[in-house]
Amino acid sequence: MDFVKQYIIQSISAASNNLRLDTQKIEVVSLLRELIAKADNLEKEIKLMKTSTELSTLAIRLDEIYRYLSQGTIDLLKISDKFKEHSQYLISDLSRLLDAVNPSSFREAITKIKENGLSNDLDNNIDFDVASRNTDNSYFDKSETDILKEKIIMEDEPVESGTLFQNFEEAILQPIKNVDELLKTLLTSNPDPEDLIKYCEILESNGKLAEERGFEIISNMHNIVAKALLLIRANELTPTKEIVESMRACLIVIVAVVKGKDVDITGYLNRAESFGRQIKSIKIEG
């Protein structure tokens, strides 16, 4: 078994040792470990897990660990501390998964995502207009469920300082509300170019902070919004409602992952990643 699989499996085991597990939960942990051990393409397997309501939150965390291990150079002097950190982060996500599934429903979820993986294209293309502002908002009218979900994720919560992760959480979450307010104004007024630059710099800085801590998805979400703000400032991207909602999807993913919210964010994550791929090829002139 390769190093990446061993590391992830052992981190899951370490996290599970901090939980009170009955027979069914132990079996689910065993099934999860087996799934990772037997994966022919672990990156693809984790990507498919991110499309499942039951598995998405844990899969996001596993994806961060996978990317830390497979991209760049690993500092072997710090690997033990990093393993403890990753295992600690997995505890709450693993606990939520074990509360949500039993061995039977876990198997069903895995079967479903593998079947979908054979037939579905996960890249839901966003067709946006960079030349004109779209005034037809009917397509983006949200259901009451979506509105409630976003409220639960984005609501303010007290953050106690004192530990390394809590300080990281505070640094990441503090500017999000202001960025969200900025995005909401893009449809009704012309943005102040200085505000766009200011928040772009904050997002880029926090994206680097998240990357240094091994949070690849959080880092990627910051970078997508930062790039979009730069494109809007350069008049290379028009902030239609579709684009603004795609940028807000990035913020929702950031907050949900950092806070460990027990809310399905699969749709937001897919939309945010698809939007990121769409704007990646747009060049900023000048």
C-alpha atoms as a PDB file:
ATOM      1  CA  MET A   1       0.000   0.000   0.000  1.00  0.00           C
ATOM      2  CA  ASP A   2       1.349   3.446  -0.901  1.00  0.00           C
ATOM      3  CA  PHE A   3       2.241   6.100   1.655  1.00  0.00           C
ATOM      4  CA  VAL A   4      -0.758   8.382   0.943  1.00  0.00           C
ATOM      5  CA  LYS A   5      -3.280   5.598   1.525  1.00  0.00           C
ATOM      6  CA  GLN A   6      -1.512   4.451   4.678  1.00  0.00           C
ATOM      7  CA  TYR A   7      -1.410   7.992   6.042  1.00  0.00           C
ATOM      8  CA  ILE A   8      -5.123   8.626   5.411  1.00  0.00           C
ATOM      9  CA  ILE A   9      -6.212   5.246   6.759  1.00  0.00           C
ATOM     10  CA  GLN A  10      -4.152   5.705   9.908  1.00  0.00           C
ATOM     11  CA  SER A  11      -5.465   9.235  10.410  1.00  0.00           C
ATOM     12  CA  ILE A  12      -9.034   7.883  10.183  1.00  0.00           C
ATOM     13  CA  SER A  13      -8.156   5.209  12.733  1.00  0.00           C
ATOM     14  CA  ALA A  14      -6.600   7.806  15.041  1.00  0.00           C
ATOM     15  CA  ALA A  15      -9.690   9.992  14.757  1.00  0.00           C
ATOM     16  CA  SER A  16     -12.030   7.065  15.419  1.00  0.00           C
ATOM     17  CA  ASN A  17     -10.091   6.222  18.589  1.00  0.00           C
ATOM     18  CA  ASN A  18     -11.367   9.494  20.036  1.00  0.00           C
ATOM     19  CA  LEU A  19     -14.995   8.515  19.487  1.00  0.00           C
ATOM     20  CA  ARG A  20     -17.333   6.155  21.308  1.00  0.00           C
ATOM     21  CA  LEU A  21     -18.146   3.538  18.701  1.00  0.00           C
ATOM     22  CA  ASP A  22     -20.727   0.795  18.778  1.00  0.00           C
ATOM     23  CA  THR A  23     -20.556  -2.285  16.557  1.00  0.00           C
ATOM     24  CA  GLN A  24     -22.250  -0.618  13.585  1.00  0.00           C
ATOM     25  CA  LYS A  25     -20.009   2.440  13.696  1.00  0.00           C
ATOM     26  CA  ILE A  26     -16.910   0.251  13.900  1.00  0.00           C
ATOM     27  CA  GLU A  27     -18.095  -1.557  10.779  1.00  0.00           C
ATOM     28  CA  VAL A  28     -18.593   1.731   8.919  1.00  0.00           C
ATOM     29  CA  VAL A  29     -15.052   2.810   9.834  1.00  0.00           C
ATOM     30  CA  SER A  30     -13.789  -0.526   8.539  1.00  0.00           C
ATOM     31  CA  LEU A  31     -15.728  -0.077   5.289  1.00  0.00           C
ATOM     32  CA  LEU A  32     -14.296   3.421   4.881  1.00  0.00           C
ATOM     33  CA  ARG A  33     -10.754   2.178   5.461  1.00  0.00           C
ATOM     34  CA  GLU A  34     -11.338  -0.649   2.982  1.00  0.00           C
ATOM     35  CA  LEU A  35     -12.712   1.780   0.384  1.00  0.00           C
ATOM     36  CA  ILE A  36      -9.539   3.862   0.569  1.00  0.00           C
ATOM     37  CA  ALA A  37      -7.206   0.867   0.628  1.00  0.00           C
ATOM     38  CA  LYS A  38      -8.748  -0.691  -2.488  1.00  0.00           C
ATOM     39  CA  ALA A  39      -9.151   2.536  -4.502  1.00  0.00           C
ATOM     40  CA  ASP A  40      -7.479   2.305  -7.901  1.00  0.00           C
ATOM     41  CA  ASN A  41      -7.573   6.081  -8.175  1.00  0.00           C
ATOM     42  CA  LEU A  42      -7.834   7.606  -4.711  1.00  0.00           C
ATOM     43  CA  GLU A  43      -8.162  11.188  -5.962  1.00  0.00           C
ATOM     44  CA  LYS A  44     -11.141  10.222  -8.142  1.00  0.00           C
ATOM     45  CA  GLU A  45     -12.686   8.185  -5.318  1.00  0.00           C
ATOM     46  CA  ILE A  46     -12.567  11.158  -2.967  1.00  0.00           C
ATOM     47  CA  LYS A  47     -13.978  13.428  -5.680  1.00  0.00           C
ATOM     48  CA  LEU A  48     -16.939  11.076  -6.082  1.00  0.00           C
ATOM     49  CA  MET A  49     -17.448  11.025  -2.306  1.00  0.00           C
ATOM     50  CA  LYS A  50     -17.780  14.821  -2.401  1.00  0.00           C
ATOM     51  CA  THR A  51     -20.944  14.421  -4.521  1.00  0.00           C
ATOM     52  CA  SER A  52     -22.727  12.443  -1.794  1.00  0.00           C
ATOM     53  CA  THR A  53     -24.852  14.196   0.824  1.00  0.00           C
ATOM     54  CA  GLU A  54     -23.741  11.764   3.522  1.00  0.00           C
ATOM     55  CA  LEU A  55     -20.054  11.700   2.598  1.00  0.00           C
ATOM     56  CA  SER A  56     -19.331  15.185   1.279  1.00  0.00           C
ATOM     57  CA  THR A  57     -18.149  16.874   4.491  1.00  0.00           C
ATOM     58  CA  LEU A  58     -15.706  14.095   5.353  1.00  0.00           C
ATOM     59  CA  ALA A  59     -14.614  13.878   1.719  1.00  0.00           C
ATOM     60  CA  ILE A  60     -13.700  17.574   1.688  1.00  0.00           C
ATOM     61  CA  ARG A  61     -11.395  16.980   4.659  1.00  0.00           C
ATOM     62  CA  LEU A  62      -9.907  13.856   3.074  1.00  0.00           C
ATOM     63  CA  ASP A  63      -9.304  15.809  -0.124  1.00  0.00           C
ATOM     64  CA  GLU A  64      -7.335  18.416   1.819  1.00  0.00           C
ATOM     65  CA  ILE A  65      -5.168  15.705   3.370  1.00  0.00           C
ATOM     66  CA  TYR A  66      -4.699  14.001  -0.002  1.00  0.00           C
ATOM     67  CA  ARG A  67      -3.573  17.222  -1.660  1.00  0.00           C
ATOM     68  CA  TYR A  68      -1.182  18.000   1.179  1.00  0.00           C
ATOM     69  CA  LEU A  69       0.425  14.583   0.752  1.00  0.00           C
ATOM     70  CA  SER A  70       0.481  14.472  -3.052  1.00  0.00           C
ATOM     71  CA  GLN A  71       1.386  18.029  -3.959  1.00  0.00           C
ATOM     72  CA  GLY A  72       4.685  19.673  -3.134  1.00  0.00           C
ATOM     73  CA  THR A  73       7.414  18.554  -0.774  1.00  0.00           C
ATOM     74  CA  ILE A  74       6.559  17.055   2.608  1.00  0.00           C
ATOM     75  CA  ASP A  75       8.637  18.273   5.546  1.00  0.00           C
ATOM     76  CA  LEU A  76       9.490  14.981   7.245  1.00  0.00           C
ATOM     77  CA  LEU A  77      10.563  16.794  10.407  1.00  0.00           C
ATOM     78  CA  LYS A  78       7.003  18.050  10.834  1.00  0.00           C
ATOM     79  CA  ILE A  79       5.090  15.048   9.506  1.00  0.00           C
ATOM     80  CA  SER A  80       4.246  13.727  12.969  1.00  0.00           C
ATOM     81  CA  ASP A  81       2.742  17.053  14.071  1.00  0.00           C
ATOM     82  CA  LYS A  82       0.884  17.335  10.784  1.00  0.00           C
ATOM     83  CA  PHE A  83      -0.546  13.833  11.220  1.00  0.00           C
ATOM     84  CA  LYS A  84      -1.852  14.749  14.680  1.00  0.00           C
ATOM     85  CA  GLU A  85      -3.396  17.918  13.246  1.00  0.00           C
ATOM     86  CA  HIS A  86      -5.093  16.086  10.380  1.00  0.00           C
ATOM     87  CA  SER A  87      -6.397  13.387  12.721  1.00  0.00           C
ATOM     88  CA  GLN A  88      -7.822  16.015  15.052  1.00  0.00           C
ATOM     89  CA  TYR A  89      -9.647  17.756  12.192  1.00  0.00           C
ATOM     90  CA  LEU A  90     -11.158  14.436  11.111  1.00  0.00           C
ATOM     91  CA  ILE A  91     -12.783  13.710  14.469  1.00  0.00           C
ATOM     92  CA  SER A  92     -15.849  15.944  14.100  1.00  0.00           C
ATOM     93  CA  ASP A  93     -16.365  15.105  10.411  1.00  0.00           C
ATOM     94  CA  LEU A  94     -16.058  11.380  11.035  1.00  0.00           C
ATOM     95  CA  SER A  95     -18.409  11.636  14.003  1.00  0.00           C
ATOM     96  CA  ARG A  96     -21.082  13.315  11.860  1.00  0.00           C
ATOM     97  CA  LEU A  97     -20.725  10.655   9.178  1.00  0.00           C
ATOM     98  CA  LEU A  98     -21.080   7.838  11.718  1.00  0.00           C
ATOM     99  CA  ASP A  99     -24.193   9.464  13.167  1.00  0.00           C
ATOM    100  CA  ALA A 100     -25.709   9.801   9.677  1.00  0.00           C
ATOM    101  CA  VAL A 101     -25.123   6.316   8.247  1.00  0.00           C
ATOM    102  CA  ASN A 102     -25.129   2.640   9.149  1.00  0.00           C
ATOM    103  CA  PRO A 103     -23.224  -0.101   7.301  1.00  0.00           C
ATOM    104  CA  SER A 104     -26.110  -0.672   4.892  1.00  0.00           C
ATOM    105  CA  SER A 105     -26.693   2.990   4.001  1.00  0.00           C
ATOM    106  CA  PHE A 106     -22.932   3.564   3.709  1.00  0.00           C
ATOM    107  CA  ARG A 107     -22.669   0.758   1.156  1.00  0.00           C
ATOM    108  CA  GLU A 108     -25.665   2.179  -0.712  1.00  0.00           C
ATOM    109  CA  ALA A 109     -24.074   5.655  -0.800  1.00  0.00           C
ATOM    110  CA  ILE A 110     -20.812   4.242  -2.183  1.00  0.00           C
ATOM    111  CA  THR A 111     -22.641   2.196  -4.814  1.00  0.00           C
ATOM    112  CA  LYS A 112     -24.659   5.232  -5.872  1.00  0.00           C
ATOM    113  CA  ILE A 113     -21.697   7.579  -6.324  1.00  0.00           C
ATOM    114  CA  LYS A 114     -19.761   4.942  -8.269  1.00  0.00           C
ATOM    115  CA  GLU A 115     -22.706   4.395 -10.600  1.00  0.00           C
ATOM    116  CA  ASN A 116     -23.108   8.144 -11.049  1.00  0.00           C
ATOM    117  CA  GLY A 117     -19.392   8.489 -11.655  1.00  0.00           C
ATOM    118  CA  LEU A 118     -19.672   6.273 -14.706  1.00  0.00           C
ATOM    119  CA  SER A 119     -22.451   8.249 -16.351  1.00  0.00           C
ATOM    120  CA  ASN A 120     -22.461  11.814 -15.076  1.00  0.00           C
ATOM    121  CA  ASP A 121     -20.198  14.730 -15.925  1.00  0.00           C
ATOM    122  CA  LEU A 122     -19.535  16.547 -12.659  1.00  0.00           C
ATOM    123  CA  ASP A 123     -18.487  19.701 -14.500  1.00  0.00           C
ATOM    124  CA  ASN A 124     -21.753  21.664 -14.582  1.00  0.00           C
ATOM    125  CA  ASN A 125     -20.761  24.413 -17.000  1.00  0.00           C
ATOM    126  CA  ILE A 126     -21.870  27.931 -16.193  1.00  0.00           C
ATOM    127  CA  ASP A 127     -22.764  29.961 -19.281  1.00  0.00           C
ATOM    128  CA  PHE A 128     -22.129  33.551 -18.274  1.00  0.00           C
ATOM    129  CA  ASP A 129     -22.116  36.797 -20.195  1.00  0.00           C
ATOM    130  CA  VAL A 130     -19.022  38.943 -19.650  1.00  0.00           C
ATOM    131  CA  ALA A 131     -20.378  41.835 -21.703  1.00  0.00           C
ATOM    132  CA  SER A 132     -23.762  42.723 -20.234  1.00  0.00           C
ATOM    133  CA  ARG A 133     -25.595  42.625 -16.913  1.00  0.00           C
ATOM    134  CA  ASN A 134     -28.373  40.034 -16.758  1.00  0.00           C
ATOM    135  CA  THR A 135     -31.618  41.411 -15.337  1.00  0.00           C
ATOM    136  CA  ASP A 136     -33.586  38.167 -15.451  1.00  0.00           C
ATOM    137  CA  ASN A 137     -33.183  36.732 -11.964  1.00  0.00           C
ATOM    138  CA  SER A 138     -35.991  34.176 -12.088  1.00  0.00           C
ATOM    139  CA  TYR A 139     -33.612  31.248 -12.635  1.00  0.00           C
ATOM    140  CA  PHE A 140     -31.773  32.092  -9.434  1.00  0.00           C
ATOM    141  CA  ASP A 141     -34.766  32.427  -7.134  1.00  0.00           C
ATOM    142  CA  LYS A 142     -33.874  30.347  -4.105  1.00  0.00           C
ATOM    143  CA  SER A 143     -36.106  27.895  -2.326  1.00  0.00           C
ATOM    144  CA  GLU A 144     -36.898  28.426   1.356  1.00  0.00           C
ATOM    145  CA  THR A 145     -34.679  25.427   2.094  1.00  0.00           C
ATOM    146  CA  ASP A 146     -31.683  27.011   0.356  1.00  0.00           C
ATOM    147  CA  ILE A 147     -32.258  30.333   2.103  1.00  0.00           C
ATOM    148  CA  LEU A 148     -32.419  28.606   5.500  1.00  0.00           C
ATOM    149  CA  LYS A 149     -29.332  26.530   4.708  1.00  0.00           C
ATOM    150  CA  GLU A 150     -27.298  29.616   3.817  1.00  0.00           C
ATOM    151  CA  LYS A 151     -28.513  31.397   6.938  1.00  0.00           C
ATOM    152  CA  ILE A 152     -27.406  28.494   9.126  1.00  0.00           C
ATOM    153  CA  ILE A 153     -23.977  28.410   7.483  1.00  0.00           C
ATOM    154  CA  MET A 154     -23.297  32.147   7.315  1.00  0.00           C
ATOM    155  CA  GLU A 155     -24.726  33.214  10.687  1.00  0.00           C
ATOM    156  CA  ASP A 156     -22.284  34.777  13.131  1.00  0.00           C
ATOM    157  CA  GLU A 157     -20.968  32.614  15.945  1.00  0.00           C
ATOM    158  CA  PRO A 158     -18.647  33.506  18.809  1.00  0.00           C
ATOM    159  CA  VAL A 159     -15.094  32.313  18.227  1.00  0.00           C
ATOM    160  CA  GLU A 160     -12.971  31.728  21.285  1.00  0.00           C
ATOM    161  CA  SER A 161      -9.276  32.387  20.894  1.00  0.00           C
ATOM    162  CA  GLY A 162      -6.682  30.216  22.537  1.00  0.00           C
ATOM    163  CA  THR A 163      -5.800  27.323  20.267  1.00  0.00           C
ATOM    164  CA  LEU A 164      -3.979  27.221  16.959  1.00  0.00           C
ATOM    165  CA  PHE A 165      -7.026  26.110  14.991  1.00  0.00           C
ATOM    166  CA  GLN A 166      -9.319  28.642  16.651  1.00  0.00           C
ATOM    167  CA  ASN A 167      -6.921  31.451  15.729  1.00  0.00           C
ATOM    168  CA  PHE A 168      -6.879  30.154  12.153  1.00  0.00           C
ATOM    169  CA  GLU A 169     -10.676  29.967  12.154  1.00  0.00           C
ATOM    170  CA  GLU A 170     -10.951  33.538  13.392  1.00  0.00           C
ATOM    171  CA  ALA A 171      -8.522  34.834  10.748  1.00  0.00           C
ATOM    172  CA  ILE A 172     -10.402  33.086   7.928  1.00  0.00           C
ATOM    173  CA  LEU A 173     -13.948  33.930   9.008  1.00  0.00           C
ATOM    174  CA  GLN A 174     -13.484  37.556  10.080  1.00  0.00           C
ATOM    175  CA  PRO A 175     -13.469  39.122   6.563  1.00  0.00           C
ATOM    176  CA  ILE A 176     -16.073  36.811   4.998  1.00  0.00           C
ATOM    177  CA  LYS A 177     -19.102  38.814   6.098  1.00  0.00           C
ATOM    178  CA  ASN A 178     -17.693  42.022   4.581  1.00  0.00           C
ATOM    179  CA  VAL A 179     -16.829  40.237   1.335  1.00  0.00           C
ATOM    180  CA  ASP A 180     -20.357  38.794   1.234  1.00  0.00           C
ATOM    181  CA  GLU A 181     -21.831  42.288   1.666  1.00  0.00           C
ATOM    182  CA  LEU A 182     -19.600  43.561  -1.141  1.00  0.00           C
ATOM    183  CA  LEU A 183     -20.831  40.804  -3.467  1.00  0.00           C
ATOM    184  CA  LYS A 184     -24.452  41.630  -2.709  1.00  0.00           C
ATOM    185  CA  THR A 185     -23.919  45.247  -3.796  1.00  0.00           C
ATOM    186  CA  LEU A 186     -22.332  44.357  -7.149  1.00  0.00           C
ATOM    187  CA  LEU A 187     -25.718  43.943  -8.830  1.00  0.00           C
ATOM    188  CA  THR A 188     -27.115  47.295  -7.760  1.00  0.00           C
ATOM    189  CA  SER A 189     -24.144  49.673  -7.871  1.00  0.00           C
ATOM    190  CA  ASN A 190     -20.724  50.095  -9.394  1.00  0.00           C
ATOM    191  CA  PRO A 191     -18.081  48.758  -7.000  1.00  0.00           C
ATOM    192  CA  ASP A 192     -15.338  50.972  -5.640  1.00  0.00           C
ATOM    193  CA  PRO A 193     -12.129  49.749  -7.360  1.00  0.00           C
ATOM    194  CA  GLU A 194     -10.206  50.290  -4.127  1.00  0.00           C
ATOM    195  CA  ASP A 195     -12.612  48.016  -2.239  1.00  0.00           C
ATOM    196  CA  LEU A 196     -12.148  45.325  -4.879  1.00  0.00           C
ATOM    197  CA  ILE A 197      -8.368  45.517  -4.522  1.00  0.00           C
ATOM    198  CA  LYS A 198      -8.527  45.578  -0.712  1.00  0.00           C
ATOM    199  CA  TYR A 199     -10.666  42.464  -0.429  1.00  0.00           C
ATOM    200  CA  CYS A 200      -8.765  40.718  -3.205  1.00  0.00           C
ATOM    201  CA  GLU A 201      -5.553  41.156  -1.199  1.00  0.00           C
ATOM    202  CA  ILE A 202      -7.243  39.881   1.977  1.00  0.00           C
ATOM    203  CA  LEU A 203      -8.592  36.823   0.164  1.00  0.00           C
ATOM    204  CA  GLU A 204      -5.237  36.055  -1.442  1.00  0.00           C
ATOM    205  CA  SER A 205      -3.489  36.367   1.939  1.00  0.00           C
ATOM    206  CA  ASN A 206      -5.975  34.068   3.671  1.00  0.00           C
ATOM    207  CA  GLY A 207      -5.798  31.683   0.723  1.00  0.00           C
ATOM    208  CA  LYS A 208      -2.054  31.360   1.301  1.00  0.00           C
ATOM    209  CA  LEU A 209      -2.654  30.893   5.036  1.00  0.00           C
ATOM    210  CA  ALA A 210      -5.108  28.066   4.339  1.00  0.00           C
ATOM    211  CA  GLU A 211      -2.690  26.465   1.876  1.00  0.00           C
ATOM    212  CA  GLU A 212       0.112  26.548   4.448  1.00  0.00           C
ATOM    213  CA  ARG A 213      -2.170  24.756   6.918  1.00  0.00           C
ATOM    214  CA  GLY A 214      -3.041  22.083   4.342  1.00  0.00           C
ATOM    215  CA  PHE A 215      -6.595  23.299   3.654  1.00  0.00           C
ATOM    216  CA  GLU A 216      -6.499  23.058  -0.136  1.00  0.00           C
ATOM    217  CA  ILE A 217     -10.232  23.508  -0.710  1.00  0.00           C
ATOM    218  CA  ILE A 218     -10.452  26.549   1.553  1.00  0.00           C
ATOM    219  CA  SER A 219      -7.433  28.016  -0.224  1.00  0.00           C
ATOM    220  CA  ASN A 220      -8.936  27.322  -3.646  1.00  0.00           C
ATOM    221  CA  MET A 221     -12.241  28.990  -2.730  1.00  0.00           C
ATOM    222  CA  HIS A 222     -10.387  32.142  -1.614  1.00  0.00           C
ATOM    223  CA  ASN A 223      -8.372  32.237  -4.825  1.00  0.00           C
ATOM    224  CA  ILE A 224     -11.457  31.861  -7.021  1.00  0.00           C
ATOM    225  CA  VAL A 225     -13.201  34.850  -5.428  1.00  0.00           C
ATOM    226  CA  ALA A 226      -9.998  36.909  -5.509  1.00  0.00           C
ATOM    227  CA  LYS A 227      -9.518  36.180  -9.223  1.00  0.00           C
ATOM    228  CA  ALA A 228     -13.151  37.067  -9.957  1.00  0.00           C
ATOM    229  CA  LEU A 229     -12.820  40.404  -8.127  1.00  0.00           C
ATOM    230  CA  LEU A 230      -9.744  41.244 -10.185  1.00  0.00           C
ATOM    231  CA  LEU A 231     -11.588  40.362 -13.394  1.00  0.00           C
ATOM    232  CA  ILE A 232     -14.544  42.541 -12.386  1.00  0.00           C
ATOM    233  CA  ARG A 233     -12.219  45.459 -11.625  1.00  0.00           C
ATOM    234  CA  ALA A 234     -10.571  45.037 -15.038  1.00  0.00           C
ATOM    235  CA  ASN A 235     -14.005  44.916 -16.749  1.00  0.00           C
ATOM    236  CA  GLU A 236     -13.205  41.417 -17.983  1.00  0.00           C
ATOM    237  CA  LEU A 237     -16.125  39.941 -16.052  1.00  0.00           C
ATOM    238  CA  THR A 238     -19.579  41.445 -15.581  1.00  0.00           C
ATOM    239  CA  PRO A 239     -21.100  40.671 -12.165  1.00  0.00           C
ATOM    240  CA  THR A 240     -24.413  39.160 -13.231  1.00  0.00           C
ATOM    241  CA  LYS A 241     -26.541  37.502 -10.588  1.00  0.00           C
ATOM    242  CA  GLU A 242     -25.294  34.116 -11.785  1.00  0.00           C
ATOM    243  CA  ILE A 243     -21.677  35.110 -11.257  1.00  0.00           C
ATOM    244  CA  VAL A 244     -22.323  36.754  -7.891  1.00  0.00           C
ATOM    245  CA  GLU A 245     -24.112  33.628  -6.648  1.00  0.00           C
ATOM    246  CA  SER A 246     -21.208  31.493  -7.855  1.00  0.00           C
ATOM    247  CA  MET A 247     -18.791  33.710  -5.901  1.00  0.00           C
ATOM    248  CA  ARG A 248     -21.040  33.477  -2.843  1.00  0.00           C
ATOM    249  CA  ALA A 249     -21.003  29.690  -3.216  1.00  0.00           C
ATOM    250  CA  CYS A 250     -17.232  29.882  -2.628  1.00  0.00           C
ATOM    251  CA  LEU A 251     -17.789  31.854   0.592  1.00  0.00           C
ATOM    252  CA  ILE A 252     -20.444  29.397   1.765  1.00  0.00           C
ATOM    253  CA  VAL A 253     -18.051  26.475   1.254  1.00  0.00           C
ATOM    254  CA  ILE A 254     -15.309  28.301   3.198  1.00  0.00           C
ATOM    255  CA  VAL A 255     -17.566  29.013   6.168  1.00  0.00           C
ATOM    256  CA  ALA A 256     -19.166  25.549   6.192  1.00  0.00           C
ATOM    257  CA  VAL A 257     -15.816  23.753   6.131  1.00  0.00           C
ATOM    258  CA  VAL A 258     -14.131  25.978   8.726  1.00  0.00           C
ATOM    259  CA  LYS A 259     -17.100  25.829  11.099  1.00  0.00           C
ATOM    260  CA  GLY A 260     -17.681  22.135  10.438  1.00  0.00           C
ATOM    261  CA  LYS A 261     -21.372  22.781   9.746  1.00  0.00           C
ATOM    262  CA  ASP A 262     -23.508  19.645   9.502  1.00  0.00           C
ATOM    263  CA  VAL A 263     -25.171  20.901   6.299  1.00  0.00           C
ATOM    264  CA  ASP A 264     -25.014  19.443   2.801  1.00  0.00           C
ATOM    265  CA  ILE A 265     -22.862  21.794   0.684  1.00  0.00           C
ATOM    266  CA  THR A 266     -22.376  19.503  -2.309  1.00  0.00           C
ATOM    267  CA  GLY A 267     -24.257  21.825  -4.661  1.00  0.00           C
ATOM    268  CA  TYR A 268     -22.303  24.874  -3.516  1.00  0.00           C
ATOM    269  CA  LEU A 269     -18.980  23.070  -3.845  1.00  0.00           C
ATOM    270  CA  ASN A 270     -19.746  21.799  -7.351  1.00  0.00           C
ATOM    271  CA  ARG A 271     -20.897  25.246  -8.441  1.00  0.00           C
ATOM    272  CA  ALA A 272     -17.865  26.991  -6.927  1.00  0.00           C
ATOM    273  CA  GLU A 273     -15.356  24.584  -8.485  1.00  0.00           C
ATOM    274  CA  SER A 274     -17.096  24.798 -11.870  1.00  0.00           C
ATOM    275  CA  PHE A 275     -17.023  28.600 -11.718  1.00  0.00           C
ATOM    276  CA  GLY A 276     -13.332  28.469 -10.834  1.00  0.00           C
ATOM    277  CA  ARG A 277     -12.621  26.393 -13.921  1.00  0.00           C
ATOM    278  CA  GLN A 278     -14.643  28.806 -16.067  1.00  0.00           C
ATOM    279  CA  ILE A 279     -12.719  31.928 -15.050  1.00  0.00           C
ATOM    280  CA  LYS A 280      -9.311  30.258 -14.924  1.00  0.00           C
ATOM    281  CA  SER A 281      -8.737  30.855 -18.641  1.00  0.00           C
ATOM    282  CA  ILE A 282      -9.783  34.535 -18.593  1.00  0.00           C
ATOM    283  CA  LYS A 283      -6.734  36.774 -18.792  1.00  0.00           C
ATOM    284  CA  ILE A 284      -6.483  40.117 -17.021  1.00  0.00           C
ATOM    285  CA  GLU A 285      -5.348  42.687 -19.565  1.00  0.00           C
ATOM    286  CA  GLY A 286      -3.067  45.545 -18.648  1.00  0.00           C
END
